[in-house]
């Protein structure tokens, strides 16, 4: 009888030990699961994209505010050079101002001719217009980007291309719509979470598509100085309209900027010199000293027509434009008396 009692006590003790061990293991497993749930996912953990079925790695956790990232800046902002990029430190003339024009009285404006010319950046003399490089302060030196940044920062006003008389102000948002198309909303799937959401997107603008610039200028003979002078009134980037077969149908102005308003901005940006990097001039100097190649496409006339409207052959149009230039320069000589 005593042996039976001791046997039952042993079995009860063993059962209590097993229950206590199971409870302790369950408590530890719950703690580990909570720790794993609260821990951040590692970079090696793979997640299946429900859209494609491929395994993807989740992005790393966002760094604290102000902390540098290992992959570089997340936004495309101008990055200033942290070291002297050259033999000596360059003095970037950001405070340079243009030289004021000579004053011409109304009574001294003896003769005047208004013309429109086109600058083709594919010509060898116009290669500085294609200089797509950032300077030491991180500002892009491509001419179209200089104009767009000035308009975006409200340093210069843009005018609609409905006419060339600067009558209608054109906001920067409208210029963006013409360059990159209107902003549209599309459906996107997050590759990590598989969540479907609507995002806004816009096509990227390629500045290399701007191949021509139209300039409007006035040639005037100053009677007091006895000299023929030129004043640029406006600059307009040209965009090409392409047919279905890839041929260019026409080139039209994108917008107009009033050149006298741009002189202060253009004076702060240097022009690339392909012969000597140590000798540079500003964009304002380039236009004032006529260091560019162009051809006339229109002169002020009775029917307000361009040369292409009454001359169809391309070579003959160039010759007609050159004839207009010759008449302008010969006018100065004809006004002299010997």
Protein backbone atom coordinates (compact mmCIF):
# COMPACT_ATOMS: atom_id res chain seq x y z
CA UNK A 1 0.00 0.00 0.00
CA UNK A 2 2.82 2.37 0.91
CA UNK A 3 4.59 1.59 -2.39
CA UNK A 4 1.48 2.56 -4.36
CA UNK A 5 1.23 5.91 -2.53
CA UNK A 6 4.91 6.79 -3.25
CA UNK A 7 4.47 5.84 -6.90
CA UNK A 8 1.52 8.19 -7.31
CA UNK A 9 3.41 11.04 -5.57
CA UNK A 10 6.32 10.57 -8.01
CA UNK A 11 4.08 10.73 -11.03
CA UNK A 12 2.41 13.91 -9.75
CA UNK A 13 5.80 15.56 -9.13
CA UNK A 14 6.96 14.68 -12.65
CA UNK A 15 3.76 16.08 -14.13
CA UNK A 16 4.19 19.39 -12.25
CA UNK A 17 7.79 19.73 -13.48
CA UNK A 18 6.72 19.16 -17.11
CA UNK A 19 3.93 21.76 -16.81
CA UNK A 20 6.31 24.33 -15.33
CA UNK A 21 8.88 23.72 -18.12
CA UNK A 22 6.22 24.10 -20.83
CA UNK A 23 4.93 27.34 -19.31
CA UNK A 24 8.45 28.78 -19.09
CA UNK A 25 9.19 27.85 -22.73
CA UNK A 26 5.92 29.43 -23.87
CA UNK A 27 6.73 32.64 -21.99
CA UNK A 28 10.20 32.86 -23.56
CA UNK A 29 8.83 32.19 -27.06
CA UNK A 30 6.28 35.00 -26.68
CA UNK A 31 9.03 37.41 -25.59
CA UNK A 32 11.19 36.49 -28.59
CA UNK A 33 8.30 36.92 -31.01
CA UNK A 34 7.54 40.37 -29.57
CA UNK A 35 11.22 41.33 -29.87
CA UNK A 36 11.35 40.16 -33.49
CA UNK A 37 8.13 42.03 -34.27
CA UNK A 38 9.39 45.30 -32.82
CA UNK A 39 12.82 44.99 -34.47
CA UNK A 40 13.45 46.75 -37.80
CA UNK A 41 13.63 44.53 -40.88
CA UNK A 42 17.14 43.81 -42.06
CA UNK A 43 18.41 44.65 -45.50
CA UNK A 44 18.75 40.95 -46.42
CA UNK A 45 15.14 40.07 -45.63
CA UNK A 46 13.28 39.35 -48.86
CA UNK A 47 9.69 40.24 -49.66
CA UNK A 48 7.68 38.92 -52.58
CA UNK A 49 6.21 41.55 -54.90
CA UNK A 50 2.56 40.58 -55.42
CA UNK A 51 2.53 42.29 -58.81
CA UNK A 52 5.44 40.35 -60.37
CA UNK A 53 6.03 37.46 -57.98
CA UNK A 54 9.75 38.36 -57.70
CA UNK A 55 11.60 38.67 -54.41
CA UNK A 56 12.59 42.25 -53.57
CA UNK A 57 14.61 43.70 -50.69
CA UNK A 58 12.83 46.32 -48.58
CA UNK A 59 14.43 49.79 -48.51
CA UNK A 60 16.62 50.67 -45.53
CA UNK A 61 15.15 52.67 -42.70
CA UNK A 62 15.17 56.44 -43.18
CA UNK A 63 18.10 58.13 -41.40
CA UNK A 64 17.47 60.72 -38.70
CA UNK A 65 16.74 64.27 -39.80
CA UNK A 66 19.92 66.03 -40.88
CA UNK A 67 22.01 62.86 -41.03
CA UNK A 68 23.98 62.28 -44.28
CA UNK A 69 23.03 59.35 -46.47
CA UNK A 70 25.49 56.83 -47.85
CA UNK A 71 23.98 56.94 -51.33
CA UNK A 72 24.31 60.69 -51.76
CA UNK A 73 21.61 63.38 -51.70
CA UNK A 74 18.07 62.27 -52.45
CA UNK A 75 17.20 65.43 -54.37
CA UNK A 76 18.95 66.90 -57.38
CA UNK A 77 20.14 70.19 -55.92
CA UNK A 78 23.16 72.28 -56.93
CA UNK A 79 26.24 70.86 -55.22
CA UNK A 80 29.10 73.25 -54.57
CA UNK A 81 32.64 71.98 -54.98
CA UNK A 82 34.25 71.35 -51.57
CA UNK A 83 37.78 71.78 -52.90
CA UNK A 84 39.51 74.15 -55.32
CA UNK A 85 38.74 72.67 -58.73
CA UNK A 86 41.85 73.97 -60.47
CA UNK A 87 45.24 75.57 -59.87
CA UNK A 88 43.85 78.66 -58.12
CA UNK A 89 40.48 79.51 -56.64
CA UNK A 90 38.30 81.21 -59.20
CA UNK A 91 36.51 84.43 -58.31
CA UNK A 92 32.99 83.80 -59.58
CA UNK A 93 31.69 87.24 -60.57
CA UNK A 94 28.15 86.88 -59.23
CA UNK A 95 27.87 90.61 -58.46
CA UNK A 96 28.86 91.73 -61.95
CA UNK A 97 26.46 94.22 -63.55
CA UNK A 98 26.14 95.07 -67.26
CA UNK A 99 27.36 98.35 -68.73
CA UNK A 100 24.56 100.81 -69.34
CA UNK A 101 23.56 101.56 -72.92
CA UNK A 102 24.37 104.87 -74.56
CA UNK A 103 21.36 107.15 -74.43
CA UNK A 104 19.77 107.84 -77.81
CA UNK A 105 17.42 110.80 -78.06
CA UNK A 106 14.25 110.49 -80.11
CA UNK A 107 15.40 113.29 -82.43
CA UNK A 108 18.76 111.53 -83.02
CA UNK A 109 17.11 108.29 -84.17
CA UNK A 110 17.65 109.13 -87.84
CA UNK A 111 17.13 105.68 -89.41
CA UNK A 112 15.95 102.32 -88.04
CA UNK A 113 15.48 98.75 -89.26
CA UNK A 114 13.90 95.93 -87.26
CA UNK A 115 14.96 92.34 -88.03
CA UNK A 116 14.51 88.83 -86.64
CA UNK A 117 17.43 86.38 -86.66
CA UNK A 118 17.90 82.71 -85.71
CA UNK A 119 20.88 81.33 -83.79
CA UNK A 120 21.51 77.67 -84.57
CA UNK A 121 23.50 76.05 -81.75
CA UNK A 122 24.77 73.32 -84.11
CA UNK A 123 27.02 75.82 -85.86
CA UNK A 124 30.65 75.75 -84.74
CA UNK A 125 30.69 79.36 -83.55
CA UNK A 126 27.60 78.70 -81.40
CA UNK A 127 28.97 75.65 -79.55
CA UNK A 128 29.05 77.55 -76.19
CA UNK A 129 25.23 77.35 -76.24
CA UNK A 130 25.62 73.54 -75.82
CA UNK A 131 28.00 73.69 -72.84
CA UNK A 132 26.07 71.42 -70.42
CA UNK A 133 28.39 71.46 -67.35
CA UNK A 134 28.03 72.68 -63.77
CA UNK A 135 30.41 75.33 -62.42
CA UNK A 136 32.11 75.26 -59.00
CA UNK A 137 28.96 76.51 -57.28
CA UNK A 138 26.88 73.71 -58.83
CA UNK A 139 24.90 75.90 -61.27
CA UNK A 140 24.36 74.45 -64.74
CA UNK A 141 25.84 76.56 -67.55
CA UNK A 142 23.59 75.44 -70.40
CA UNK A 143 21.96 78.57 -71.83
CA UNK A 144 18.39 77.26 -71.81
CA UNK A 145 18.80 76.21 -68.15
CA UNK A 146 20.03 79.71 -67.27
CA UNK A 147 16.88 81.20 -68.80
CA UNK A 148 14.56 78.68 -67.14
CA UNK A 149 16.17 79.15 -63.71
CA UNK A 150 15.85 82.93 -64.03
CA UNK A 151 12.15 82.58 -64.89
CA UNK A 152 11.58 80.04 -62.10
CA UNK A 153 13.27 82.31 -59.52
CA UNK A 154 11.19 85.29 -60.78
CA UNK A 155 14.30 87.20 -61.83
CA UNK A 156 12.96 87.51 -65.37
CA UNK A 157 9.43 87.43 -66.75
CA UNK A 158 8.54 85.21 -69.69
CA UNK A 159 6.05 86.30 -72.32
CA UNK A 160 3.74 84.20 -74.44
CA UNK A 161 4.73 83.40 -78.03
CA UNK A 162 1.32 84.46 -79.38
CA UNK A 163 3.21 87.56 -80.55
CA UNK A 164 6.69 89.04 -80.21
CA UNK A 165 5.64 92.34 -78.63
CA UNK A 166 5.81 91.10 -75.00
CA UNK A 167 2.08 91.57 -74.35
CA UNK A 168 1.12 88.48 -72.30
CA UNK A 169 3.02 87.26 -69.25
CA UNK A 170 3.59 83.49 -69.26
CA UNK A 171 3.89 81.74 -65.86
CA UNK A 172 6.56 79.12 -65.24
CA UNK A 173 3.96 76.38 -64.78
CA UNK A 174 2.73 76.92 -68.34
CA UNK A 175 6.30 76.68 -69.63
CA UNK A 176 6.67 73.37 -67.77
CA UNK A 177 3.53 72.04 -69.43
CA UNK A 178 4.94 72.90 -72.86
CA UNK A 179 8.34 71.39 -72.11
CA UNK A 180 7.37 68.22 -70.24
CA UNK A 181 3.63 67.88 -70.78
CA UNK A 182 0.95 68.36 -68.20
CA UNK A 183 1.22 66.66 -64.83
CA UNK A 184 -0.84 63.48 -64.77
CA UNK A 185 -1.94 61.01 -62.10
CA UNK A 186 -1.16 57.33 -62.64
CA UNK A 187 -1.75 54.15 -60.63
CA UNK A 188 1.39 52.71 -58.98
CA UNK A 189 2.03 49.60 -56.86
CA UNK A 190 4.53 49.74 -54.01
CA UNK A 191 7.04 46.90 -54.69
CA UNK A 192 7.49 46.22 -50.95
CA UNK A 193 4.07 46.47 -49.43
CA UNK A 194 2.06 45.77 -52.57
CA UNK A 195 -0.15 48.74 -51.76
CA UNK A 196 -1.80 50.39 -54.75
CA UNK A 197 -1.83 54.18 -54.75
CA UNK A 198 -2.14 57.13 -57.13
CA UNK A 199 0.98 59.24 -57.80
CA UNK A 200 1.58 62.41 -59.84
CA UNK A 201 4.22 62.28 -62.57
CA UNK A 202 5.56 64.38 -65.43
CA UNK A 203 7.88 63.60 -68.36
CA UNK A 204 11.50 64.74 -68.08
CA UNK A 205 12.57 67.69 -70.22
CA UNK A 206 15.68 67.18 -72.32
CA UNK A 207 17.36 70.60 -72.76
CA UNK A 208 19.37 69.25 -75.70
CA UNK A 209 16.20 69.36 -77.82
CA UNK A 210 16.51 73.17 -78.00
CA UNK A 211 18.54 73.62 -81.17
CA UNK A 212 17.69 77.21 -82.13
CA UNK A 213 17.03 80.61 -80.58
CA UNK A 214 15.22 83.48 -82.26
CA UNK A 215 16.31 87.01 -81.44
CA UNK A 216 14.48 90.23 -82.21
CA UNK A 217 16.67 93.28 -82.63
CA UNK A 218 16.68 96.85 -83.90
CA UNK A 219 19.44 98.49 -85.91
CA UNK A 220 19.38 102.27 -85.45
CA UNK A 221 21.58 105.06 -86.79
CA UNK A 222 22.41 107.56 -84.03
CA UNK A 223 22.71 110.98 -85.68
CA UNK A 224 24.57 112.50 -82.74
CA UNK A 225 27.24 109.76 -82.63
CA UNK A 226 27.15 109.24 -86.41
CA UNK A 227 27.20 105.48 -85.81
CA UNK A 228 25.01 102.48 -86.52
CA UNK A 229 24.02 100.75 -83.28
CA UNK A 230 22.13 97.56 -82.53
CA UNK A 231 19.81 96.78 -79.62
CA UNK A 232 18.57 93.23 -78.95
CA UNK A 233 14.96 93.33 -77.77
CA UNK A 234 14.04 89.70 -77.15
CA UNK A 235 15.23 86.09 -77.11
CA UNK A 236 13.02 83.06 -77.73
CA UNK A 237 14.00 79.35 -77.53
CA UNK A 238 12.68 77.42 -80.52
CA UNK A 239 11.00 74.00 -80.32
CA UNK A 240 10.53 71.70 -83.31
CA UNK A 241 7.21 70.21 -84.37
CA UNK A 242 7.77 66.76 -85.90
CA UNK A 243 5.60 64.95 -88.44
CA UNK A 244 4.61 61.29 -88.11
CA UNK A 245 7.47 60.23 -90.40
CA UNK A 246 10.04 62.01 -88.18
CA UNK A 247 10.59 65.02 -90.43
CA UNK A 248 10.52 68.50 -88.90
CA UNK A 249 7.36 70.38 -89.84
CA UNK A 250 8.23 73.74 -88.28
CA UNK A 251 10.17 75.42 -85.48
CA UNK A 252 8.17 77.79 -83.30
CA UNK A 253 9.13 80.02 -80.35
CA UNK A 254 8.50 78.48 -76.94
CA UNK A 255 8.35 81.81 -75.07
CA UNK A 256 9.92 85.26 -75.27
CA UNK A 257 12.09 87.02 -72.70
CA UNK A 258 12.79 90.74 -72.83
CA UNK A 259 16.54 90.97 -73.32
CA UNK A 260 17.16 94.24 -71.40
CA UNK A 261 15.60 92.52 -68.35
CA UNK A 262 17.92 89.53 -68.83
CA UNK A 263 21.18 91.48 -69.03
CA UNK A 264 21.72 91.55 -65.25
CA UNK A 265 21.23 87.76 -65.06
CA UNK A 266 23.35 86.94 -68.10
CA UNK A 267 26.19 89.12 -66.80
CA UNK A 268 26.61 86.74 -63.83
CA UNK A 269 27.17 83.61 -65.93
CA UNK A 270 30.38 82.88 -67.80
CA UNK A 271 30.57 81.55 -71.33
CA UNK A 272 32.69 78.51 -72.11
CA UNK A 273 35.84 79.37 -74.10
CA UNK A 274 36.92 76.31 -76.07
CA UNK A 275 40.37 77.81 -76.72
CA UNK A 276 41.35 78.95 -73.21
CA UNK A 277 39.67 77.92 -69.93
CA UNK A 278 41.43 80.75 -68.09
CA UNK A 279 39.81 83.44 -70.27
CA UNK A 280 36.04 83.70 -70.15
CA UNK A 281 33.40 86.29 -70.87
CA UNK A 282 29.82 86.59 -69.66
CA UNK A 283 26.74 85.75 -71.69
CA UNK A 284 25.88 89.43 -71.72
CA UNK A 285 29.27 90.16 -73.30
CA UNK A 286 28.68 87.47 -75.92
CA UNK A 287 25.45 89.09 -77.10
CA UNK A 288 26.70 92.67 -76.91
CA UNK A 289 29.96 91.90 -78.77
CA UNK A 290 28.08 89.73 -81.31
CA UNK A 291 30.16 86.61 -80.68
CA UNK A 292 27.55 84.35 -82.27
CA UNK A 293 26.49 83.25 -85.72
CA UNK A 294 22.96 83.92 -86.99
CA UNK A 295 20.93 84.39 -90.15
CA UNK A 296 18.03 86.74 -90.81
CA UNK A 297 14.59 85.16 -91.20
CA UNK A 298 12.48 88.33 -91.28
CA UNK A 299 12.68 92.08 -91.66
CA UNK A 300 9.95 94.58 -90.95
CA UNK A 301 7.84 94.70 -94.13
CA UNK A 302 4.47 95.72 -95.43
CA UNK A 303 2.89 92.25 -95.33
CA UNK A 304 4.55 91.19 -92.05
CA UNK A 305 5.93 88.08 -93.77
CA UNK A 306 8.98 86.00 -93.06
CA UNK A 307 11.43 85.19 -95.83
CA UNK A 308 10.20 81.58 -95.99
CA UNK A 309 6.71 82.83 -96.88
CA UNK A 310 7.80 84.17 -100.27
CA UNK A 311 11.01 82.19 -100.95
CA UNK A 312 10.74 78.39 -100.83
CA UNK A 313 14.31 77.38 -101.63
CA UNK A 314 16.48 77.13 -98.51
CA UNK A 315 19.68 78.40 -100.14
CA UNK A 316 17.88 81.37 -101.64
CA UNK A 317 16.42 82.21 -98.23
CA UNK A 318 19.93 82.36 -96.74
CA UNK A 319 21.07 84.58 -99.60
CA UNK A 320 18.09 86.88 -99.09
CA UNK A 321 18.92 87.16 -95.39
CA UNK A 322 22.51 88.01 -96.23
CA UNK A 323 21.29 90.65 -98.70
CA UNK A 324 19.27 92.28 -95.89
CA UNK A 325 22.40 92.37 -93.73
CA UNK A 326 24.37 93.98 -96.53
CA UNK A 327 21.72 96.67 -97.02
CA UNK A 328 21.80 97.48 -93.30
CA UNK A 329 25.58 97.87 -93.19
CA UNK A 330 25.67 99.78 -96.48
CA UNK A 331 23.10 102.21 -95.09
CA UNK A 332 25.64 103.45 -92.54
CA UNK A 333 28.17 104.14 -95.29
CA UNK A 334 25.57 105.88 -97.48
CA UNK A 335 24.71 108.33 -94.68
CA UNK A 336 28.28 109.65 -94.57
CA UNK A 337 29.24 112.61 -96.73
CA UNK A 338 32.78 112.98 -98.04
